[in-house]
């Protein structure tokens, strides 16, 4: 699936999760208020965890490395939203 910068991750698991993650990200971006965003951030964290726990992960595979990097960034973004909610 294409990312915004044109890079590709050739993996059926990533592509399936990517569609779900993009939908959740769109919901986070559309909703006002950190409380509402945090609900979807919890979902985002769970979907990122699916990729991070992939049984097919191979450290020598660049697609796996890219997938894990992207999933880690998304999980950190979700964690930030959740922490901000706790501070609010």
PDB file of N, CA and C in Angstrom:
ATOM      1  N   UNK A   1       0.851  -1.181   0.000  1.00  0.00           N
ATOM      2  CA  UNK A   1       0.000   0.000   0.000  1.00  0.00           C
ATOM      3  C   UNK A   1       0.891   1.237   0.000  1.00  0.00           C
ATOM      4  N   UNK A   2       0.540   2.223  -0.745  1.00  0.00           N
ATOM      5  CA  UNK A   2       1.327   3.443  -0.835  1.00  0.00           C
ATOM      6  C   UNK A   2       1.159   4.298   0.407  1.00  0.00           C
ATOM      7  N   UNK A   3       2.259   4.810   0.897  1.00  0.00           N
ATOM      8  CA  UNK A   3       2.221   5.827   1.930  1.00  0.00           C
ATOM      9  C   UNK A   3       2.302   7.162   1.220  1.00  0.00           C
ATOM     10  N   UNK A   4       2.149   8.227   1.990  1.00  0.00           N
ATOM     11  CA  UNK A   4       2.165   9.563   1.387  1.00  0.00           C
ATOM     12  C   UNK A   4       3.472   9.868   0.654  1.00  0.00           C
ATOM     13  N   UNK A   5       4.595   9.327   1.138  1.00  0.00           N
ATOM     14  CA  UNK A   5       5.875   9.636   0.502  1.00  0.00           C
ATOM     15  C   UNK A   5       6.178   8.713  -0.678  1.00  0.00           C
ATOM     16  N   UNK A   6       5.249   7.820  -1.021  1.00  0.00           N
ATOM     17  CA  UNK A   6       5.432   6.968  -2.182  1.00  0.00           C
ATOM     18  C   UNK A   6       6.078   5.630  -1.877  1.00  0.00           C
ATOM     19  N   UNK A   7       6.566   5.411  -0.650  1.00  0.00           N
ATOM     20  CA  UNK A   7       7.162   4.135  -0.297  1.00  0.00           C
ATOM     21  C   UNK A   7       6.065   3.082  -0.194  1.00  0.00           C
ATOM     22  N   UNK A   8       6.431   1.831  -0.418  1.00  0.00           N
ATOM     23  CA  UNK A   8       5.464   0.746  -0.375  1.00  0.00           C
ATOM     24  C   UNK A   8       5.905  -0.301   0.639  1.00  0.00           C
ATOM     25  N   UNK A   9       4.917  -0.925   1.259  1.00  0.00           N
ATOM     26  CA  UNK A   9       5.154  -2.079   2.103  1.00  0.00           C
ATOM     27  C   UNK A   9       4.378  -3.221   1.462  1.00  0.00           C
ATOM     28  N   UNK A  10       5.113  -4.160   0.909  1.00  0.00           N
ATOM     29  CA  UNK A  10       4.486  -5.280   0.216  1.00  0.00           C
ATOM     30  C   UNK A  10       4.182  -6.395   1.207  1.00  0.00           C
ATOM     31  N   UNK A  11       3.001  -6.301   1.818  1.00  0.00           N
ATOM     32  CA  UNK A  11       2.584  -7.279   2.808  1.00  0.00           C
ATOM     33  C   UNK A  11       1.062  -7.238   2.926  1.00  0.00           C
ATOM     34  N   UNK A  12       0.428  -8.388   2.804  1.00  0.00           N
ATOM     35  CA  UNK A  12      -1.034  -8.451   2.876  1.00  0.00           C
ATOM     36  C   UNK A  12      -1.542  -8.045   4.263  1.00  0.00           C
ATOM     37  N   UNK A  13      -0.823  -8.427   5.294  1.00  0.00           N
ATOM     38  CA  UNK A  13      -1.231  -8.074   6.660  1.00  0.00           C
ATOM     39  C   UNK A  13      -1.170  -6.563   6.841  1.00  0.00           C
ATOM     40  N   UNK A  14      -0.081  -5.950   6.394  1.00  0.00           N
ATOM     41  CA  UNK A  14       0.049  -4.494   6.504  1.00  0.00           C
ATOM     42  C   UNK A  14      -1.064  -3.801   5.733  1.00  0.00           C
ATOM     43  N   UNK A  15      -1.319  -4.245   4.526  1.00  0.00           N
ATOM     44  CA  UNK A  15      -2.330  -3.599   3.695  1.00  0.00           C
ATOM     45  C   UNK A  15      -3.714  -3.686   4.326  1.00  0.00           C
ATOM     46  N   UNK A  16      -4.033  -4.823   4.924  1.00  0.00           N
ATOM     47  CA  UNK A  16      -5.325  -4.976   5.599  1.00  0.00           C
ATOM     48  C   UNK A  16      -5.401  -4.020   6.797  1.00  0.00           C
ATOM     49  N   UNK A  17      -4.369  -4.011   7.612  1.00  0.00           N
ATOM     50  CA  UNK A  17      -4.344  -3.156   8.798  1.00  0.00           C
ATOM     51  C   UNK A  17      -4.287  -1.681   8.411  1.00  0.00           C
ATOM     52  N   UNK A  18      -3.603  -1.381   7.349  1.00  0.00           N
ATOM     53  CA  UNK A  18      -3.462   0.012   6.898  1.00  0.00           C
ATOM     54  C   UNK A  18      -4.822   0.628   6.605  1.00  0.00           C
ATOM     55  N   UNK A  19      -5.696  -0.139   5.977  1.00  0.00           N
ATOM     56  CA  UNK A  19      -7.040   0.369   5.673  1.00  0.00           C
ATOM     57  C   UNK A  19      -7.798   0.676   6.962  1.00  0.00           C
ATOM     58  N   UNK A  20      -7.701  -0.192   7.948  1.00  0.00           N
ATOM     59  CA  UNK A  20      -8.357   0.010   9.238  1.00  0.00           C
ATOM     60  C   UNK A  20      -7.749   1.209   9.958  1.00  0.00           C
ATOM     61  N   UNK A  21      -6.421   1.291   9.956  1.00  0.00           N
ATOM     62  CA  UNK A  21      -5.712   2.373  10.642  1.00  0.00           C
ATOM     63  C   UNK A  21      -6.022   3.726  10.007  1.00  0.00           C
ATOM     64  N   UNK A  22      -6.080   3.774   8.690  1.00  0.00           N
ATOM     65  CA  UNK A  22      -6.411   5.042   8.024  1.00  0.00           C
ATOM     66  C   UNK A  22      -7.810   5.502   8.391  1.00  0.00           C
ATOM     67  N   UNK A  23      -8.753   4.561   8.497  1.00  0.00           N
ATOM     68  CA  UNK A  23     -10.117   4.899   8.888  1.00  0.00           C
ATOM     69  C   UNK A  23     -10.134   5.482  10.305  1.00  0.00           C
ATOM     70  N   UNK A  24      -9.422   4.850  11.212  1.00  0.00           N
ATOM     71  CA  UNK A  24      -9.356   5.342  12.594  1.00  0.00           C
ATOM     72  C   UNK A  24      -8.674   6.709  12.640  1.00  0.00           C
ATOM     73  N   UNK A  25      -7.603   6.872  11.891  1.00  0.00           N
ATOM     74  CA  UNK A  25      -6.882   8.152  11.857  1.00  0.00           C
ATOM     75  C   UNK A  25      -7.788   9.265  11.338  1.00  0.00           C
ATOM     76  N   UNK A  26      -8.568   8.969  10.320  1.00  0.00           N
ATOM     77  CA  UNK A  26      -9.518   9.964   9.800  1.00  0.00           C
ATOM     78  C   UNK A  26     -10.535  10.354  10.861  1.00  0.00           C
ATOM     79  N   UNK A  27     -10.985   9.394  11.649  1.00  0.00           N
ATOM     80  CA  UNK A  27     -11.926   9.690  12.735  1.00  0.00           C
ATOM     81  C   UNK A  27     -11.277  10.566  13.801  1.00  0.00           C
ATOM     82  N   UNK A  28     -10.034  10.272  14.141  1.00  0.00           N
ATOM     83  CA  UNK A  28      -9.307  11.088  15.124  1.00  0.00           C
ATOM     84  C   UNK A  28      -9.187  12.520  14.619  1.00  0.00           C
ATOM     85  N   UNK A  29      -8.842  12.669  13.361  1.00  0.00           N
ATOM     86  CA  UNK A  29      -8.649  14.000  12.794  1.00  0.00           C
ATOM     87  C   UNK A  29      -9.960  14.773  12.665  1.00  0.00           C
ATOM     88  N   UNK A  30     -11.078  14.067  12.514  1.00  0.00           N
ATOM     89  CA  UNK A  30     -12.364  14.727  12.289  1.00  0.00           C
ATOM     90  C   UNK A  30     -13.047  15.174  13.581  1.00  0.00           C
ATOM     91  N   UNK A  31     -12.731  14.520  14.673  1.00  0.00           N
ATOM     92  CA  UNK A  31     -13.457  14.791  15.919  1.00  0.00           C
ATOM     93  C   UNK A  31     -12.788  15.922  16.706  1.00  0.00           C
ATOM     94  N   UNK A  32     -13.630  16.727  17.347  1.00  0.00           N
ATOM     95  CA  UNK A  32     -13.128  17.809  18.183  1.00  0.00           C
ATOM     96  C   UNK A  32     -12.980  17.303  19.617  1.00  0.00           C
ATOM     97  N   UNK A  33     -11.997  17.791  20.300  1.00  0.00           N
ATOM     98  CA  UNK A  33     -11.828  17.469  21.717  1.00  0.00           C
ATOM     99  C   UNK A  33     -10.993  16.230  21.942  1.00  0.00           C
ATOM    100  N   UNK A  34     -10.163  16.319  22.950  1.00  0.00           N
ATOM    101  CA  UNK A  34      -9.220  15.239  23.234  1.00  0.00           C
ATOM    102  C   UNK A  34      -9.919  13.995  23.782  1.00  0.00           C
ATOM    103  N   UNK A  35     -11.032  14.154  24.468  1.00  0.00           N
ATOM    104  CA  UNK A  35     -11.743  12.998  25.015  1.00  0.00           C
ATOM    105  C   UNK A  35     -12.240  12.102  23.883  1.00  0.00           C
ATOM    106  N   UNK A  36     -12.853  12.691  22.877  1.00  0.00           N
ATOM    107  CA  UNK A  36     -13.318  11.919  21.730  1.00  0.00           C
ATOM    108  C   UNK A  36     -12.171  11.311  20.953  1.00  0.00           C
ATOM    109  N   UNK A  37     -11.100  12.063  20.799  1.00  0.00           N
ATOM    110  CA  UNK A  37      -9.932  11.559  20.077  1.00  0.00           C
ATOM    111  C   UNK A  37      -9.325  10.363  20.807  1.00  0.00           C
ATOM    112  N   UNK A  38      -9.344  10.399  22.148  1.00  0.00           N
ATOM    113  CA  UNK A  38      -8.735   9.331  22.946  1.00  0.00           C
ATOM    114  C   UNK A  38      -9.442   7.995  22.740  1.00  0.00           C
ATOM    115  N   UNK A  39     -10.740   8.028  22.527  1.00  0.00           N
ATOM    116  CA  UNK A  39     -11.487   6.789  22.272  1.00  0.00           C
ATOM    117  C   UNK A  39     -10.933   6.108  21.020  1.00  0.00           C
ATOM    118  N   UNK A  40     -10.763   6.895  19.978  1.00  0.00           N
ATOM    119  CA  UNK A  40     -10.228   6.336  18.736  1.00  0.00           C
ATOM    120  C   UNK A  40      -8.734   6.039  18.844  1.00  0.00           C
ATOM    121  N   UNK A  41      -8.025   6.788  19.684  1.00  0.00           N
ATOM    122  CA  UNK A  41      -6.597   6.527  19.890  1.00  0.00           C
ATOM    123  C   UNK A  41      -6.393   5.148  20.520  1.00  0.00           C
ATOM    124  N   UNK A  42      -7.298   4.743  21.399  1.00  0.00           N
ATOM    125  CA  UNK A  42      -7.233   3.390  21.975  1.00  0.00           C
ATOM    126  C   UNK A  42      -7.359   2.349  20.865  1.00  0.00           C
ATOM    127  N   UNK A  43      -8.277   2.576  19.942  1.00  0.00           N
ATOM    128  CA  UNK A  43      -8.446   1.666  18.800  1.00  0.00           C
ATOM    129  C   UNK A  43      -7.186   1.656  17.937  1.00  0.00           C
ATOM    130  N   UNK A  44      -6.623   2.835  17.697  1.00  0.00           N
ATOM    131  CA  UNK A  44      -5.409   2.947  16.893  1.00  0.00           C
ATOM    132  C   UNK A  44      -4.269   2.162  17.534  1.00  0.00           C
ATOM    133  N   UNK A  45      -4.146   2.283  18.845  1.00  0.00           N
ATOM    134  CA  UNK A  45      -3.083   1.561  19.548  1.00  0.00           C
ATOM    135  C   UNK A  45      -3.261   0.049  19.375  1.00  0.00           C
ATOM    136  N   UNK A  46      -4.492  -0.442  19.484  1.00  0.00           N
ATOM    137  CA  UNK A  46      -4.750  -1.879  19.326  1.00  0.00           C
ATOM    138  C   UNK A  46      -4.413  -2.359  17.913  1.00  0.00           C
ATOM    139  N   UNK A  47      -4.764  -1.554  16.913  1.00  0.00           N
ATOM    140  CA  UNK A  47      -4.485  -1.945  15.524  1.00  0.00           C
ATOM    141  C   UNK A  47      -2.979  -1.898  15.236  1.00  0.00           C
ATOM    142  N   UNK A  48      -2.279  -0.943  15.804  1.00  0.00           N
ATOM    143  CA  UNK A  48      -0.819  -0.888  15.647  1.00  0.00           C
ATOM    144  C   UNK A  48      -0.181  -2.098  16.316  1.00  0.00           C
ATOM    145  N   UNK A  49      -0.724  -2.508  17.460  1.00  0.00           N
ATOM    146  CA  UNK A  49      -0.203  -3.685  18.155  1.00  0.00           C
ATOM    147  C   UNK A  49      -0.335  -4.951  17.311  1.00  0.00           C
ATOM    148  N   UNK A  50      -1.372  -5.027  16.487  1.00  0.00           N
ATOM    149  CA  UNK A  50      -1.530  -6.183  15.590  1.00  0.00           C
ATOM    150  C   UNK A  50      -0.310  -6.283  14.680  1.00  0.00           C
ATOM    151  N   UNK A  51       0.112  -5.150  14.142  1.00  0.00           N
ATOM    152  CA  UNK A  51       1.290  -5.152  13.259  1.00  0.00           C
ATOM    153  C   UNK A  51       2.567  -5.429  14.042  1.00  0.00           C
ATOM    154  N   UNK A  52       2.684  -4.869  15.231  1.00  0.00           N
ATOM    155  CA  UNK A  52       3.892  -5.055  16.030  1.00  0.00           C
ATOM    156  C   UNK A  52       4.045  -6.494  16.523  1.00  0.00           C
ATOM    157  N   UNK A  53       2.938  -7.223  16.606  1.00  0.00           N
ATOM    158  CA  UNK A  53       2.967  -8.608  17.075  1.00  0.00           C
ATOM    159  C   UNK A  53       2.906  -9.609  15.914  1.00  0.00           C
ATOM    160  N   UNK A  54       3.157  -9.158  14.718  1.00  0.00           N
ATOM    161  CA  UNK A  54       3.039  -9.997  13.520  1.00  0.00           C
ATOM    162  C   UNK A  54       3.898 -11.268  13.629  1.00  0.00           C
ATOM    163  N   UNK A  55       3.248 -12.405  13.394  1.00  0.00           N
ATOM    164  CA  UNK A  55       3.935 -13.704  13.446  1.00  0.00           C
ATOM    165  C   UNK A  55       4.858 -13.916  12.246  1.00  0.00           C
ATOM    166  N   UNK A  56       4.630 -13.157  11.163  1.00  0.00           N
ATOM    167  CA  UNK A  56       5.435 -13.307   9.948  1.00  0.00           C
ATOM    168  C   UNK A  56       6.630 -12.356   9.897  1.00  0.00           C
ATOM    169  N   UNK A  57       6.886 -11.617  10.980  1.00  0.00           N
ATOM    170  CA  UNK A  57       7.971 -10.626  11.004  1.00  0.00           C
ATOM    171  C   UNK A  57       9.330 -11.286  10.772  1.00  0.00           C
ATOM    172  N   UNK A  58      10.092 -10.663   9.874  1.00  0.00           N
ATOM    173  CA  UNK A  58      11.466 -11.105   9.591  1.00  0.00           C
ATOM    174  C   UNK A  58      12.358  -9.873   9.613  1.00  0.00           C
ATOM    175  N   UNK A  59      13.322  -9.856  10.511  1.00  0.00           N
ATOM    176  CA  UNK A  59      14.163  -8.667  10.689  1.00  0.00           C
ATOM    177  C   UNK A  59      14.986  -8.332   9.452  1.00  0.00           C
ATOM    178  N   UNK A  60      15.245  -9.294   8.608  1.00  0.00           N
ATOM    179  CA  UNK A  60      16.039  -9.041   7.398  1.00  0.00           C
ATOM    180  C   UNK A  60      15.193  -8.507   6.245  1.00  0.00           C
ATOM    181  N   UNK A  61      13.888  -8.454   6.416  1.00  0.00           N
ATOM    182  CA  UNK A  61      12.992  -8.017   5.352  1.00  0.00           C
ATOM    183  C   UNK A  61      12.704  -6.519   5.508  1.00  0.00           C
ATOM    184  N   UNK A  62      13.007  -5.734   4.486  1.00  0.00           N
ATOM    185  CA  UNK A  62      12.825  -4.276   4.544  1.00  0.00           C
ATOM    186  C   UNK A  62      11.352  -3.909   4.695  1.00  0.00           C
ATOM    187  N   UNK A  63      10.460  -4.684   4.091  1.00  0.00           N
ATOM    188  CA  UNK A  63       9.030  -4.414   4.260  1.00  0.00           C
ATOM    189  C   UNK A  63       8.619  -4.594   5.720  1.00  0.00           C
ATOM    190  N   UNK A  64       9.134  -5.615   6.369  1.00  0.00           N
ATOM    191  CA  UNK A  64       8.844  -5.838   7.787  1.00  0.00           C
ATOM    192  C   UNK A  64       9.406  -4.700   8.637  1.00  0.00           C
ATOM    193  N   UNK A  65      10.607  -4.276   8.337  1.00  0.00           N
ATOM    194  CA  UNK A  65      11.209  -3.171   9.085  1.00  0.00           C
ATOM    195  C   UNK A  65      10.400  -1.887   8.910  1.00  0.00           C
ATOM    196  N   UNK A  66       9.990  -1.591   7.677  1.00  0.00           N
ATOM    197  CA  UNK A  66       9.178  -0.394   7.418  1.00  0.00           C
ATOM    198  C   UNK A  66       7.826  -0.484   8.122  1.00  0.00           C
ATOM    199  N   UNK A  67       7.214  -1.645   8.065  1.00  0.00           N
ATOM    200  CA  UNK A  67       5.927  -1.857   8.725  1.00  0.00           C
ATOM    201  C   UNK A  67       6.065  -1.620  10.225  1.00  0.00           C
ATOM    202  N   UNK A  68       7.067  -2.210  10.827  1.00  0.00           N
ATOM    203  CA  UNK A  68       7.267  -2.073  12.274  1.00  0.00           C
ATOM    204  C   UNK A  68       7.541  -0.617  12.643  1.00  0.00           C
ATOM    205  N   UNK A  69       8.305   0.089  11.834  1.00  0.00           N
ATOM    206  CA  UNK A  69       8.597   1.502  12.089  1.00  0.00           C
ATOM    207  C   UNK A  69       7.312   2.342  12.036  1.00  0.00           C
ATOM    208  N   UNK A  70       6.514   2.130  10.999  1.00  0.00           N
ATOM    209  CA  UNK A  70       5.256   2.872  10.838  1.00  0.00           C
ATOM    210  C   UNK A  70       4.311   2.558  12.002  1.00  0.00           C
ATOM    211  N   UNK A  71       4.188   1.284  12.346  1.00  0.00           N
ATOM    212  CA  UNK A  71       3.309   0.888  13.448  1.00  0.00           C
ATOM    213  C   UNK A  71       3.772   1.494  14.771  1.00  0.00           C
ATOM    214  N   UNK A  72       5.075   1.550  14.984  1.00  0.00           N
ATOM    215  CA  UNK A  72       5.615   2.144  16.215  1.00  0.00           C
ATOM    216  C   UNK A  72       5.283   3.632  16.303  1.00  0.00           C
ATOM    217  N   UNK A  73       5.422   4.338  15.188  1.00  0.00           N
ATOM    218  CA  UNK A  73       5.084   5.766  15.169  1.00  0.00           C
ATOM    219  C   UNK A  73       3.609   5.988  15.467  1.00  0.00           C
ATOM    220  N   UNK A  74       2.771   5.169  14.885  1.00  0.00           N
ATOM    221  CA  UNK A  74       1.324   5.315  15.106  1.00  0.00           C
ATOM    222  C   UNK A  74       0.953   4.998  16.545  1.00  0.00           C
ATOM    223  N   UNK A  75       1.606   4.005  17.121  1.00  0.00           N
ATOM    224  CA  UNK A  75       1.332   3.671  18.515  1.00  0.00           C
ATOM    225  C   UNK A  75       1.766   4.812  19.425  1.00  0.00           C
ATOM    226  N   UNK A  76       2.918   5.412  19.142  1.00  0.00           N
ATOM    227  CA  UNK A  76       3.376   6.553  19.943  1.00  0.00           C
ATOM    228  C   UNK A  76       2.427   7.732  19.819  1.00  0.00           C
ATOM    229  N   UNK A  77       1.920   7.982  18.623  1.00  0.00           N
ATOM    230  CA  UNK A  77       0.950   9.071  18.427  1.00  0.00           C
ATOM    231  C   UNK A  77      -0.314   8.801  19.240  1.00  0.00           C
ATOM    232  N   UNK A  78      -0.780   7.564  19.223  1.00  0.00           N
ATOM    233  CA  UNK A  78      -1.964   7.193  20.003  1.00  0.00           C
ATOM    234  C   UNK A  78      -1.691   7.377  21.494  1.00  0.00           C
ATOM    235  N   UNK A  79      -0.521   6.974  21.940  1.00  0.00           N
ATOM    236  CA  UNK A  79      -0.152   7.116  23.351  1.00  0.00           C
ATOM    237  C   UNK A  79      -0.140   8.577  23.784  1.00  0.00           C
ATOM    238  N   UNK A  80       0.322   9.445  22.918  1.00  0.00           N
ATOM    239  CA  UNK A  80       0.355  10.879  23.231  1.00  0.00           C
ATOM    240  C   UNK A  80      -1.061  11.408  23.405  1.00  0.00           C
ATOM    241  N   UNK A  81      -1.950  11.045  22.509  1.00  0.00           N
ATOM    242  CA  UNK A  81      -3.349  11.499  22.603  1.00  0.00           C
ATOM    243  C   UNK A  81      -3.958  11.014  23.917  1.00  0.00           C
ATOM    244  N   UNK A  82      -3.703   9.769  24.270  1.00  0.00           N
ATOM    245  CA  UNK A  82      -4.253   9.190  25.490  1.00  0.00           C
ATOM    246  C   UNK A  82      -3.684   9.897  26.723  1.00  0.00           C
ATOM    247  N   UNK A  83      -2.390  10.215  26.714  1.00  0.00           N
ATOM    248  CA  UNK A  83      -1.777  10.919  27.846  1.00  0.00           C
ATOM    249  C   UNK A  83      -2.321  12.338  27.985  1.00  0.00           C
ATOM    250  N   UNK A  84      -2.555  13.003  26.864  1.00  0.00           N
ATOM    251  CA  UNK A  84      -3.120  14.357  26.903  1.00  0.00           C
ATOM    252  C   UNK A  84      -4.515  14.319  27.514  1.00  0.00           C
ATOM    253  N   UNK A  85      -5.285  13.298  27.179  1.00  0.00           N
ATOM    254  CA  UNK A  85      -6.636  13.163  27.755  1.00  0.00           C
ATOM    255  C   UNK A  85      -6.548  13.056  29.275  1.00  0.00           C
ATOM    256  N   UNK A  86      -5.586  12.305  29.769  1.00  0.00           N
ATOM    257  CA  UNK A  86      -5.435  12.131  31.221  1.00  0.00           C
ATOM    258  C   UNK A  86      -5.053  13.444  31.903  1.00  0.00           C
ATOM    259  N   UNK A  87      -4.361  14.309  31.169  1.00  0.00           N
ATOM    260  CA  UNK A  87      -3.960  15.612  31.716  1.00  0.00           C
ATOM    261  C   UNK A  87      -5.084  16.634  31.674  1.00  0.00           C
ATOM    262  N   UNK A  88      -6.041  16.397  30.786  1.00  0.00           N
ATOM    263  CA  UNK A  88      -7.139  17.366  30.597  1.00  0.00           C
ATOM    264  C   UNK A  88      -8.147  17.328  31.727  1.00  0.00           C
TER     265      UNK A  88
END
